[in-house]
């Protein structure tokens, strides 16, 4: 079992015992997981990839000597950068360990180079002062972050996985769950062996390539936030879907679920594998728009025109005091459902007013 697997076991045990796992924190955490109270535990800084015991010991010692870190510049000035190097700092930022300093992880990461440079200049100035004397020590000015937009949720979660080995503050499948569950209704935790084919969905957490008597195959670890299962993709299906079989990709698989006598869990042999675009193309029946007073037919026609010619109908949800109904638009408004189309409609009407019906 590697270090990431060991941390995963600790993390999963904490969750199973009903504990809330707080993110790592340079202003509170230690090397190991730390109990906060009966219901909360702090994620250990030492479990962040690329840090190490020596680096975390240095961070904790600097914090204990001078109090909590005020900002990124203060952190870079006070730690030993030969021990807590840039790679370790980047990993801590991606893991969310600087959220107590500033919650904009993108801004902290973008500002790291400047913060290290300021710290190096301050160190050189202090050495010159010590050598020549005559200057009084002055308090360091607050460090201003470079202001950039915060990472979208998906990017934040992928950064957490890169630095921790798994998602901590959320799950990338959450953004798709409501839509995908209309096609693959059973959560992974509820799958049971059965003779008939079943459908399941989740995020590809990992991919392992293996050889078998049937040729080259991929073993996917599929994760939907409720559980993880292994999905075996053989031969032709593997070669057909190589572009889709990527870590962190949302997929729906169809196949047979059987008991895995070796692990004691279940095994899913896939006969079909689809990404979100294929699911929408194959199963979407209707795009329902709640326009709510924004009835601009010219705007709607302009947004739909680049995606015309598909099988999916478009309907307007009409409401009044007596009730509501769908007014389906003529066949000329049928579209090919795609991420750009849904993004354009959501930007116009807001995401909650655009619904894909399966």
Protein backbone atom coordinates (compact mmCIF):
# COMPACT_ATOMS: atom_id res chain seq x y z
CA UNK A 1 0.00 0.00 0.00
CA UNK A 2 1.51 3.36 -1.04
CA UNK A 3 1.35 6.59 1.00
CA UNK A 4 -1.67 7.92 -0.91
CA UNK A 5 -3.59 4.70 -0.23
CA UNK A 6 -2.73 4.91 3.48
CA UNK A 7 -4.01 8.49 3.65
CA UNK A 8 -7.13 7.42 1.76
CA UNK A 9 -7.77 4.73 4.39
CA UNK A 10 -7.46 7.27 7.21
CA UNK A 11 -9.70 9.70 5.35
CA UNK A 12 -12.34 7.07 4.58
CA UNK A 13 -12.28 5.77 8.18
CA UNK A 14 -12.87 9.30 9.46
CA UNK A 15 -15.82 9.77 7.10
CA UNK A 16 -17.31 6.37 8.00
CA UNK A 17 -17.12 7.28 11.68
CA UNK A 18 -19.20 10.39 11.01
CA UNK A 19 -16.32 12.85 11.29
CA UNK A 20 -16.11 15.99 9.18
CA UNK A 21 -12.60 16.31 7.71
CA UNK A 22 -11.48 19.94 7.69
CA UNK A 23 -8.92 20.90 5.03
CA UNK A 24 -5.21 21.19 5.83
CA UNK A 25 -4.31 24.60 7.25
CA UNK A 26 -0.87 26.22 7.60
CA UNK A 27 -2.23 28.26 10.53
CA UNK A 28 -3.67 25.34 12.49
CA UNK A 29 -2.62 21.93 11.21
CA UNK A 30 0.22 19.66 12.19
CA UNK A 31 2.01 16.87 10.39
CA UNK A 32 -0.68 14.29 11.16
CA UNK A 33 -4.47 14.35 11.20
CA UNK A 34 -5.54 16.28 14.32
CA UNK A 35 -8.87 15.89 16.21
CA UNK A 36 -10.60 19.25 16.64
CA UNK A 37 -13.63 18.08 18.61
CA UNK A 38 -15.94 15.08 18.77
CA UNK A 39 -17.17 15.63 15.20
CA UNK A 40 -14.26 17.28 13.35
CA UNK A 41 -10.70 16.32 12.43
CA UNK A 42 -8.09 18.48 10.70
CA UNK A 43 -6.39 17.01 7.63
CA UNK A 44 -2.66 16.50 8.24
CA UNK A 45 -0.24 18.82 6.44
CA UNK A 46 2.15 15.91 6.08
CA UNK A 47 -0.39 14.09 3.91
CA UNK A 48 -0.03 16.76 1.22
CA UNK A 49 2.09 15.39 -1.63
CA UNK A 50 5.47 17.07 -2.11
CA UNK A 51 5.86 18.35 1.46
CA UNK A 52 7.56 15.91 3.82
CA UNK A 53 8.08 15.80 7.58
CA UNK A 54 11.00 18.23 7.62
CA UNK A 55 9.10 20.88 5.67
CA UNK A 56 5.99 20.62 7.84
CA UNK A 57 8.09 20.74 11.03
CA UNK A 58 9.62 23.98 9.76
CA UNK A 59 6.17 25.48 9.01
CA UNK A 60 4.87 24.55 12.47
CA UNK A 61 8.03 25.90 14.18
CA UNK A 62 7.75 29.24 12.31
CA UNK A 63 4.08 29.52 13.26
CA UNK A 64 4.73 28.72 16.92
CA UNK A 65 7.58 31.24 17.05
CA UNK A 66 5.81 34.16 15.38
CA UNK A 67 2.10 33.43 15.51
CA UNK A 68 -0.29 32.73 12.63
CA UNK A 69 0.87 33.67 9.13
CA UNK A 70 -0.77 36.94 8.09
CA UNK A 71 -0.45 36.50 4.35
CA UNK A 72 1.52 34.66 1.69
CA UNK A 73 4.42 37.11 1.90
CA UNK A 74 4.64 36.64 5.67
CA UNK A 75 4.72 32.85 5.17
CA UNK A 76 7.52 33.04 2.58
CA UNK A 77 9.59 35.35 4.81
CA UNK A 78 9.32 33.23 7.93
CA UNK A 79 9.79 29.65 6.71
CA UNK A 80 13.14 28.22 5.61
CA UNK A 81 12.70 28.16 1.85
CA UNK A 82 15.52 25.65 1.47
CA UNK A 83 13.33 23.18 3.39
CA UNK A 84 9.87 24.45 2.43
CA UNK A 85 10.60 24.84 -1.26
CA UNK A 86 8.38 26.21 -4.00
CA UNK A 87 7.06 22.76 -4.94
CA UNK A 88 5.91 22.19 -1.35
CA UNK A 89 4.26 25.63 -1.24
CA UNK A 90 2.42 24.98 -4.51
CA UNK A 91 1.13 21.66 -3.17
CA UNK A 92 -0.09 23.31 0.04
CA UNK A 93 -1.90 25.99 -1.94
CA UNK A 94 -3.62 23.46 -4.20
CA UNK A 95 -4.65 21.42 -1.16
CA UNK A 96 -6.40 24.44 0.37
CA UNK A 97 -3.91 24.87 3.22
CA UNK A 98 -3.81 28.66 2.67
CA UNK A 99 -7.60 29.13 2.71
CA UNK A 100 -7.40 30.70 6.18
CA UNK A 101 -5.04 33.33 4.71
CA UNK A 102 -7.02 33.95 1.50
CA UNK A 103 -9.66 31.69 -0.08
CA UNK A 104 -8.66 32.58 -3.66
CA UNK A 105 -6.32 29.67 -4.37
CA UNK A 106 -5.78 30.84 -7.94
CA UNK A 107 -4.64 34.24 -6.68
CA UNK A 108 -2.28 32.74 -4.11
CA UNK A 109 -0.72 30.40 -6.65
CA UNK A 110 -0.34 33.22 -9.21
CA UNK A 111 1.34 35.38 -6.54
CA UNK A 112 3.75 32.77 -5.20
CA UNK A 113 6.70 33.76 -7.39
CA UNK A 114 6.37 37.41 -6.40
CA UNK A 115 6.05 36.50 -2.70
CA UNK A 116 9.23 34.40 -2.81
CA UNK A 117 11.07 37.22 -4.59
CA UNK A 118 9.95 39.76 -1.97
CA UNK A 119 11.07 37.38 0.80
CA UNK A 120 14.50 36.94 -0.83
CA UNK A 121 14.95 40.71 -1.14
CA UNK A 122 13.98 41.18 2.50
CA UNK A 123 16.49 38.51 3.50
CA UNK A 124 19.29 40.17 1.53
CA UNK A 125 18.41 43.55 3.06
CA UNK A 126 18.47 42.06 6.56
CA UNK A 127 21.91 40.54 5.91
CA UNK A 128 23.26 43.90 4.71
CA UNK A 129 21.77 45.63 7.76
CA UNK A 130 23.36 43.08 10.04
CA UNK A 131 26.72 43.52 8.29
CA UNK A 132 26.88 47.32 8.25
CA UNK A 133 24.61 48.19 11.20
CA UNK A 134 22.86 51.50 11.75
CA UNK A 135 19.35 50.50 10.62
CA UNK A 136 16.44 49.61 12.81
CA UNK A 137 14.27 46.60 12.11
CA UNK A 138 10.92 47.55 10.62
CA UNK A 139 7.73 45.53 10.36
CA UNK A 140 7.18 43.98 6.96
CA UNK A 141 4.37 45.46 4.90
CA UNK A 142 1.34 43.34 4.06
CA UNK A 143 1.75 41.42 0.82
CA UNK A 144 -0.84 42.14 -1.86
CA UNK A 145 -1.96 39.18 -3.94
CA UNK A 146 -2.29 39.33 -7.69
CA UNK A 147 -6.05 39.43 -8.22
CA UNK A 148 -7.22 36.77 -10.65
CA UNK A 149 -10.58 34.96 -10.88
CA UNK A 150 -11.05 32.05 -8.51
CA UNK A 151 -10.78 28.58 -9.98
CA UNK A 152 -14.04 27.00 -11.12
CA UNK A 153 -15.10 24.10 -8.90
CA UNK A 154 -13.79 21.46 -11.31
CA UNK A 155 -10.33 23.05 -11.47
CA UNK A 156 -10.23 23.43 -7.67
CA UNK A 157 -11.10 19.76 -7.18
CA UNK A 158 -8.54 18.58 -9.74
CA UNK A 159 -5.86 20.61 -7.94
CA UNK A 160 -6.87 18.96 -4.66
CA UNK A 161 -6.60 15.54 -6.24
CA UNK A 162 -3.16 16.41 -7.60
CA UNK A 163 -1.87 17.44 -4.17
CA UNK A 164 -3.84 15.09 -1.90
CA UNK A 165 -4.56 12.09 -4.11
CA UNK A 166 -8.33 12.58 -3.94
CA UNK A 167 -11.05 15.24 -3.87
CA UNK A 168 -11.59 16.87 -0.46
CA UNK A 169 -13.89 19.90 -0.61
CA UNK A 170 -16.42 18.38 -3.01
CA UNK A 171 -16.81 15.92 -5.85
CA UNK A 172 -16.67 16.64 -9.60
CA UNK A 173 -19.62 14.32 -10.24
CA UNK A 174 -21.88 16.60 -8.16
CA UNK A 175 -22.20 19.09 -11.01
CA UNK A 176 -23.55 16.33 -13.28
CA UNK A 177 -25.43 14.15 -10.80
CA UNK A 178 -28.96 15.50 -11.30
CA UNK A 179 -28.71 15.30 -15.08
CA UNK A 180 -26.90 11.97 -15.39
CA UNK A 181 -29.13 10.26 -12.80
CA UNK A 182 -32.01 10.56 -15.27
CA UNK A 183 -30.17 8.01 -17.42
CA UNK A 184 -28.08 6.00 -14.93
CA UNK A 185 -30.32 6.05 -11.87
CA UNK A 186 -28.49 3.72 -9.49
CA UNK A 187 -25.66 5.11 -7.33
CA UNK A 188 -22.51 3.01 -7.34
CA UNK A 189 -23.00 2.18 -3.66
CA UNK A 190 -26.35 0.56 -4.50
CA UNK A 191 -25.24 -1.64 -7.41
CA UNK A 192 -25.82 -5.36 -6.91
CA UNK A 193 -24.85 -8.39 -9.04
CA UNK A 194 -27.57 -9.20 -11.56
CA UNK A 195 -28.04 -11.17 -14.77
CA UNK A 196 -29.45 -8.26 -16.77
CA UNK A 197 -27.32 -5.32 -17.99
CA UNK A 198 -27.13 -2.26 -15.73
CA UNK A 199 -26.09 1.36 -16.19
CA UNK A 200 -23.82 3.27 -13.85
CA UNK A 201 -22.16 6.67 -13.91
CA UNK A 202 -19.33 8.52 -12.24
CA UNK A 203 -15.96 10.15 -12.67
CA UNK A 204 -12.99 8.09 -13.85
CA UNK A 205 -10.80 8.33 -10.77
CA UNK A 206 -7.97 6.23 -12.18
CA UNK A 207 -7.05 4.05 -15.17
CA UNK A 208 -4.91 0.91 -15.09
CA UNK A 209 -3.87 -0.90 -18.28
CA UNK A 210 -3.59 -4.69 -18.18
CA UNK A 211 -3.14 -7.64 -20.50
CA UNK A 212 -5.64 -10.48 -20.49
CA UNK A 213 -6.47 -13.56 -22.55
CA UNK A 214 -8.85 -11.29 -24.47
CA UNK A 215 -6.07 -8.79 -25.23
CA UNK A 216 -5.32 -5.33 -23.91
CA UNK A 217 -7.89 -3.96 -21.47
CA UNK A 218 -8.45 -0.96 -19.22
CA UNK A 219 -9.58 -1.20 -15.60
CA UNK A 220 -11.30 2.04 -14.64
CA UNK A 221 -11.87 3.13 -11.07
CA UNK A 222 -15.27 4.80 -11.25
CA UNK A 223 -16.28 7.18 -8.43
CA UNK A 224 -19.61 8.97 -7.96
CA UNK A 225 -19.11 10.18 -4.38
CA UNK A 226 -21.13 7.29 -2.93
CA UNK A 227 -18.60 4.54 -3.70
CA UNK A 228 -15.85 3.41 -6.04
CA UNK A 229 -16.01 0.36 -8.27
CA UNK A 230 -13.76 -1.23 -10.87
CA UNK A 231 -15.05 -1.19 -14.44
CA UNK A 232 -13.34 -3.49 -16.95
CA UNK A 233 -13.25 -2.30 -20.57
CA UNK A 234 -12.08 -4.95 -23.06
CA UNK A 235 -10.81 -5.06 -26.63
CA UNK A 236 -12.85 -3.25 -29.25
CA UNK A 237 -14.66 -1.04 -26.76
CA UNK A 238 -11.35 0.03 -25.24
CA UNK A 239 -9.87 0.97 -28.63
CA UNK A 240 -13.08 2.72 -29.68
CA UNK A 241 -13.22 4.82 -26.49
CA UNK A 242 -9.55 5.52 -25.85
CA UNK A 243 -10.10 9.28 -26.18
CA UNK A 244 -12.87 9.15 -23.55
CA UNK A 245 -11.02 6.89 -21.09
CA UNK A 246 -9.18 9.66 -19.25
CA UNK A 247 -8.86 10.45 -15.55
CA UNK A 248 -11.51 12.86 -14.21
CA UNK A 249 -13.80 12.29 -17.19
CA UNK A 250 -17.52 11.88 -16.43
CA UNK A 251 -18.85 8.72 -18.09
CA UNK A 252 -21.84 6.40 -18.14
CA UNK A 253 -21.15 2.69 -18.51
CA UNK A 254 -23.52 -0.13 -19.37
CA UNK A 255 -22.72 -3.75 -18.73
CA UNK A 256 -22.98 -6.64 -16.30
CA UNK A 257 -22.32 -6.49 -12.58
CA UNK A 258 -20.93 -9.61 -10.90
CA UNK A 259 -19.45 -10.58 -7.56
CA UNK A 260 -15.67 -10.23 -7.34
CA UNK A 261 -14.62 -13.25 -5.28
CA UNK A 262 -11.07 -11.92 -4.90
CA UNK A 263 -11.89 -8.50 -3.40
CA UNK A 264 -15.31 -9.30 -1.99
CA UNK A 265 -16.76 -6.33 -3.86
CA UNK A 266 -18.44 -6.12 -7.24
CA UNK A 267 -16.98 -6.14 -10.74
CA UNK A 268 -18.50 -4.29 -13.69
CA UNK A 269 -17.73 -5.55 -17.21
CA UNK A 270 -18.61 -2.75 -19.62
CA UNK A 271 -20.35 -3.38 -22.93
CA UNK A 272 -20.91 0.31 -23.63
CA UNK A 273 -19.21 3.52 -22.48
CA UNK A 274 -20.38 7.08 -23.15
CA UNK A 275 -19.28 10.57 -22.18
CA UNK A 276 -21.73 13.38 -21.40
CA UNK A 277 -21.88 14.55 -25.03
CA UNK A 278 -22.88 11.06 -26.21
CA UNK A 279 -25.45 10.72 -23.42
CA UNK A 280 -27.09 13.96 -24.42
CA UNK A 281 -26.99 13.09 -28.10
CA UNK A 282 -28.52 9.67 -27.57
CA UNK A 283 -30.97 10.20 -24.70
CA UNK A 284 -31.93 13.90 -24.48
CA UNK A 285 -35.53 14.40 -25.62
CA UNK A 286 -36.13 18.02 -24.76
CA UNK A 287 -34.48 21.25 -23.65
CA UNK A 288 -36.94 23.07 -21.39
CA UNK A 289 -36.43 26.83 -21.05
CA UNK A 290 -38.02 28.91 -18.30
CA UNK A 291 -37.89 32.35 -19.88
CA UNK A 292 -39.80 34.30 -17.21
CA UNK A 293 -40.35 37.54 -19.06
CA UNK A 294 -37.19 37.34 -21.17
CA UNK A 295 -39.21 36.31 -24.24
CA UNK A 296 -36.89 37.55 -26.94
CA UNK A 297 -37.59 35.26 -29.90
CA UNK A 298 -34.79 36.80 -31.98
CA UNK A 299 -32.26 36.14 -29.22
CA UNK A 300 -33.46 32.55 -28.82
CA UNK A 301 -33.29 31.93 -32.58
CA UNK A 302 -29.75 33.35 -32.73
CA UNK A 303 -28.55 31.10 -29.89
CA UNK A 304 -30.13 27.98 -31.35
CA UNK A 305 -29.20 28.51 -35.02
CA UNK A 306 -25.57 27.23 -34.80
CA UNK A 307 -26.83 24.00 -33.22
CA UNK A 308 -29.87 23.34 -35.43
CA UNK A 309 -30.53 20.05 -37.21
CA UNK A 310 -30.53 17.71 -34.24
CA UNK A 311 -33.15 15.38 -32.74
CA UNK A 312 -33.75 17.22 -29.46
CA UNK A 313 -36.86 19.40 -29.21
CA UNK A 314 -36.98 22.79 -27.46
CA UNK A 315 -39.88 23.88 -25.27
CA UNK A 316 -40.77 27.02 -23.34
CA UNK A 317 -42.17 26.49 -19.83
CA UNK A 318 -45.19 28.79 -19.53
CA UNK A 319 -46.61 29.70 -16.11
CA UNK A 320 -49.55 31.75 -14.89
CA UNK A 321 -51.72 31.90 -11.77
CA UNK A 322 -53.75 28.86 -12.87
CA UNK A 323 -50.89 26.50 -13.71
CA UNK A 324 -48.02 25.76 -16.05
CA UNK A 325 -47.30 23.82 -19.23
CA UNK A 326 -44.64 23.29 -21.89
CA UNK A 327 -45.06 25.02 -25.25
CA UNK A 328 -43.02 22.96 -27.69
CA UNK A 329 -41.39 24.92 -30.49
CA UNK A 330 -41.68 23.82 -34.15
CA UNK A 331 -39.39 21.11 -35.53
CA UNK A 332 -37.15 23.73 -37.15
CA UNK A 333 -35.97 24.53 -33.59
CA UNK A 334 -34.74 20.98 -32.94
CA UNK A 335 -31.09 21.03 -31.90
CA UNK A 336 -27.96 19.00 -31.35
CA UNK A 337 -27.43 19.16 -27.60
CA UNK A 338 -23.91 20.30 -26.74
CA UNK A 339 -22.00 22.01 -23.95
CA UNK A 340 -21.62 25.29 -25.95
CA UNK A 341 -25.38 25.45 -26.60
CA UNK A 342 -26.27 24.84 -22.94
CA UNK A 343 -23.64 27.35 -21.82
CA UNK A 344 -25.03 30.03 -24.15
CA UNK A 345 -28.61 29.42 -23.00
CA UNK A 346 -27.55 29.38 -19.33
CA UNK A 347 -25.66 32.65 -19.73
CA UNK A 348 -28.83 34.22 -21.13
CA UNK A 349 -31.43 32.68 -18.80
CA UNK A 350 -29.27 31.45 -15.86
CA UNK A 351 -28.42 27.79 -15.38
CA UNK A 352 -31.49 26.92 -13.27
CA UNK A 353 -33.79 28.01 -16.12
CA UNK A 354 -32.25 25.55 -18.62
CA UNK A 355 -33.17 21.89 -18.12
CA UNK A 356 -32.26 18.87 -20.24
CA UNK A 357 -35.11 16.35 -20.16
CA UNK A 358 -34.36 12.68 -20.82
